[in-house]
Amino acid sequence: MSNRLLQAAVLAAAVTVPVIGSAQTPAQTPQFRAEKCYGIAKARQNDCASTGNNSCGGTSRVDNDPRAWMYVPAGLCTRITGGSLTPKA
């Protein structure tokens, strides 16, 4: 019986560790002068979001989500097609 318990514990640890390691967090502020640019991130490439179900880095489910943002060098966002300095509704 203890062998089965040990196997179950090993299996539970193997499943739990990756989940804990992938905890959702916002992206760190970059070292360069940056601004948040909304509406340009590919799915799962966003740094964060203003509202909704993708409030942390890498959680956007669609390309160009108007509420998801990513850091870009200051002054670049408005020059990118679809880029906005504010979230879109």
C-alpha atoms as a PDB file:
ATOM      1  CA  MET A   1       0.000   0.000   0.000  1.00  0.00           C
ATOM      2  CA  SER A   2       2.814   2.451   0.789  1.00  0.00           C
ATOM      3  CA  ASN A   3       4.270   1.908  -2.701  1.00  0.00           C
ATOM      4  CA  ARG A   4       1.020   3.164  -4.242  1.00  0.00           C
ATOM      5  CA  LEU A   5       1.008   6.130  -1.898  1.00  0.00           C
ATOM      6  CA  LEU A   6       4.568   6.996  -2.910  1.00  0.00           C
ATOM      7  CA  GLN A   7       3.677   6.722  -6.605  1.00  0.00           C
ATOM      8  CA  ALA A   8       0.644   8.961  -6.093  1.00  0.00           C
ATOM      9  CA  ALA A   9       2.767  11.543  -4.276  1.00  0.00           C
ATOM     10  CA  VAL A  10       5.380  11.553  -7.052  1.00  0.00           C
ATOM     11  CA  LEU A  11       2.676  11.956  -9.686  1.00  0.00           C
ATOM     12  CA  ALA A  12       1.034  14.801  -7.760  1.00  0.00           C
ATOM     13  CA  ALA A  13       4.372  16.592  -7.412  1.00  0.00           C
ATOM     14  CA  ALA A  14       5.130  16.150 -11.115  1.00  0.00           C
ATOM     15  CA  VAL A  15       1.814  17.741 -12.040  1.00  0.00           C
ATOM     16  CA  THR A  16       1.888  20.531  -9.434  1.00  0.00           C
ATOM     17  CA  VAL A  17       5.418  21.898  -9.882  1.00  0.00           C
ATOM     18  CA  PRO A  18       4.970  23.141 -13.492  1.00  0.00           C
ATOM     19  CA  VAL A  19       1.666  24.801 -12.569  1.00  0.00           C
ATOM     20  CA  ILE A  20       3.226  26.676  -9.653  1.00  0.00           C
ATOM     21  CA  GLY A  21       6.226  27.646 -11.778  1.00  0.00           C
ATOM     22  CA  SER A  22       4.024  29.229 -14.429  1.00  0.00           C
ATOM     23  CA  ALA A  23       2.225  31.605 -12.043  1.00  0.00           C
ATOM     24  CA  GLN A  24       0.857  34.644 -13.837  1.00  0.00           C
ATOM     25  CA  THR A  25       2.669  37.892 -13.194  1.00  0.00           C
ATOM     26  CA  PRO A  26       2.875  41.247 -14.955  1.00  0.00           C
ATOM     27  CA  ALA A  27       5.986  41.902 -17.003  1.00  0.00           C
ATOM     28  CA  GLN A  28       8.820  43.780 -15.351  1.00  0.00           C
ATOM     29  CA  THR A  29       9.394  47.363 -16.446  1.00  0.00           C
ATOM     30  CA  PRO A  30      12.160  47.357 -19.059  1.00  0.00           C
ATOM     31  CA  GLN A  31      15.485  49.124 -18.553  1.00  0.00           C
ATOM     32  CA  PHE A  32      14.883  51.448 -21.516  1.00  0.00           C
ATOM     33  CA  ARG A  33      12.433  54.404 -21.613  1.00  0.00           C
ATOM     34  CA  ALA A  34       9.186  52.636 -22.470  1.00  0.00           C
ATOM     35  CA  GLU A  35       5.475  53.132 -22.897  1.00  0.00           C
ATOM     36  CA  LYS A  36       2.537  50.743 -22.798  1.00  0.00           C
ATOM     37  CA  CYS A  37       1.191  50.094 -26.292  1.00  0.00           C
ATOM     38  CA  TYR A  38      -2.278  48.560 -26.540  1.00  0.00           C
ATOM     39  CA  GLY A  39      -3.621  46.469 -29.412  1.00  0.00           C
ATOM     40  CA  ILE A  40      -0.392  45.204 -30.970  1.00  0.00           C
ATOM     41  CA  ALA A  41       0.530  42.054 -29.038  1.00  0.00           C
ATOM     42  CA  LYS A  42       0.254  38.592 -30.553  1.00  0.00           C
ATOM     43  CA  ALA A  43      -1.686  35.988 -28.572  1.00  0.00           C
ATOM     44  CA  ARG A  44       0.229  34.974 -25.421  1.00  0.00           C
ATOM     45  CA  GLN A  45       2.879  37.661 -26.056  1.00  0.00           C
ATOM     46  CA  ASN A  46       1.304  40.539 -24.099  1.00  0.00           C
ATOM     47  CA  ASP A  47       3.033  42.078 -21.081  1.00  0.00           C
ATOM     48  CA  CYS A  48      -0.267  42.725 -19.284  1.00  0.00           C
ATOM     49  CA  ALA A  49      -3.797  44.068 -19.805  1.00  0.00           C
ATOM     50  CA  SER A  50      -6.050  46.776 -18.438  1.00  0.00           C
ATOM     51  CA  THR A  51      -9.148  44.650 -17.790  1.00  0.00           C
ATOM     52  CA  GLY A  52     -10.682  41.311 -18.615  1.00  0.00           C
ATOM     53  CA  ASN A  53      -9.454  37.774 -18.246  1.00  0.00           C
ATOM     54  CA  ASN A  54      -5.864  38.424 -19.368  1.00  0.00           C
ATOM     55  CA  SER A  55      -4.548  40.604 -16.593  1.00  0.00           C
ATOM     56  CA  CYS A  56      -1.031  39.193 -16.568  1.00  0.00           C
ATOM     57  CA  GLY A  57       1.829  38.693 -18.968  1.00  0.00           C
ATOM     58  CA  GLY A  58       1.394  36.065 -21.672  1.00  0.00           C
ATOM     59  CA  THR A  59      -2.297  35.439 -21.059  1.00  0.00           C
ATOM     60  CA  SER A  60      -3.947  37.176 -24.014  1.00  0.00           C
ATOM     61  CA  ARG A  61      -5.846  34.638 -26.090  1.00  0.00           C
ATOM     62  CA  VAL A  62      -6.167  36.599 -29.339  1.00  0.00           C
ATOM     63  CA  ASP A  63      -3.864  38.617 -31.558  1.00  0.00           C
ATOM     64  CA  ASN A  64      -4.150  42.422 -31.260  1.00  0.00           C
ATOM     65  CA  ASP A  65      -6.400  42.373 -28.196  1.00  0.00           C
ATOM     66  CA  PRO A  66      -7.360  46.063 -27.776  1.00  0.00           C
ATOM     67  CA  ARG A  67      -7.077  45.809 -23.970  1.00  0.00           C
ATOM     68  CA  ALA A  68      -3.753  43.932 -23.843  1.00  0.00           C
ATOM     69  CA  TRP A  69      -0.523  45.913 -23.891  1.00  0.00           C
ATOM     70  CA  MET A  70       3.163  45.376 -24.296  1.00  0.00           C
ATOM     71  CA  TYR A  71       6.129  47.617 -23.616  1.00  0.00           C
ATOM     72  CA  VAL A  72       7.674  49.395 -26.599  1.00  0.00           C
ATOM     73  CA  PRO A  73      10.341  52.101 -26.714  1.00  0.00           C
ATOM     74  CA  ALA A  74       8.878  55.534 -25.898  1.00  0.00           C
ATOM     75  CA  GLY A  75       7.489  57.316 -28.958  1.00  0.00           C
ATOM     76  CA  LEU A  76       7.067  54.167 -31.049  1.00  0.00           C
ATOM     77  CA  CYS A  77       3.511  53.045 -30.204  1.00  0.00           C
ATOM     78  CA  THR A  78       1.605  55.626 -32.235  1.00  0.00           C
ATOM     79  CA  ARG A  79       3.758  54.807 -35.275  1.00  0.00           C
ATOM     80  CA  ILE A  80       2.667  51.127 -35.223  1.00  0.00           C
ATOM     81  CA  THR A  81      -0.505  50.248 -37.140  1.00  0.00           C
ATOM     82  CA  GLY A  82      -3.210  49.483 -34.574  1.00  0.00           C
ATOM     83  CA  GLY A  83      -1.106  50.769 -31.672  1.00  0.00           C
ATOM     84  CA  SER A  84      -2.751  52.958 -29.029  1.00  0.00           C
ATOM     85  CA  LEU A  85      -1.525  54.567 -25.812  1.00  0.00           C
ATOM     86  CA  THR A  86      -4.901  53.846 -24.177  1.00  0.00           C
ATOM     87  CA  PRO A  87      -6.978  50.649 -24.039  1.00  0.00           C
ATOM     88  CA  LYS A  88      -9.807  50.382 -26.521  1.00  0.00           C
ATOM     89  CA  ALA A  89     -13.289  49.247 -25.504  1.00  0.00           C
END
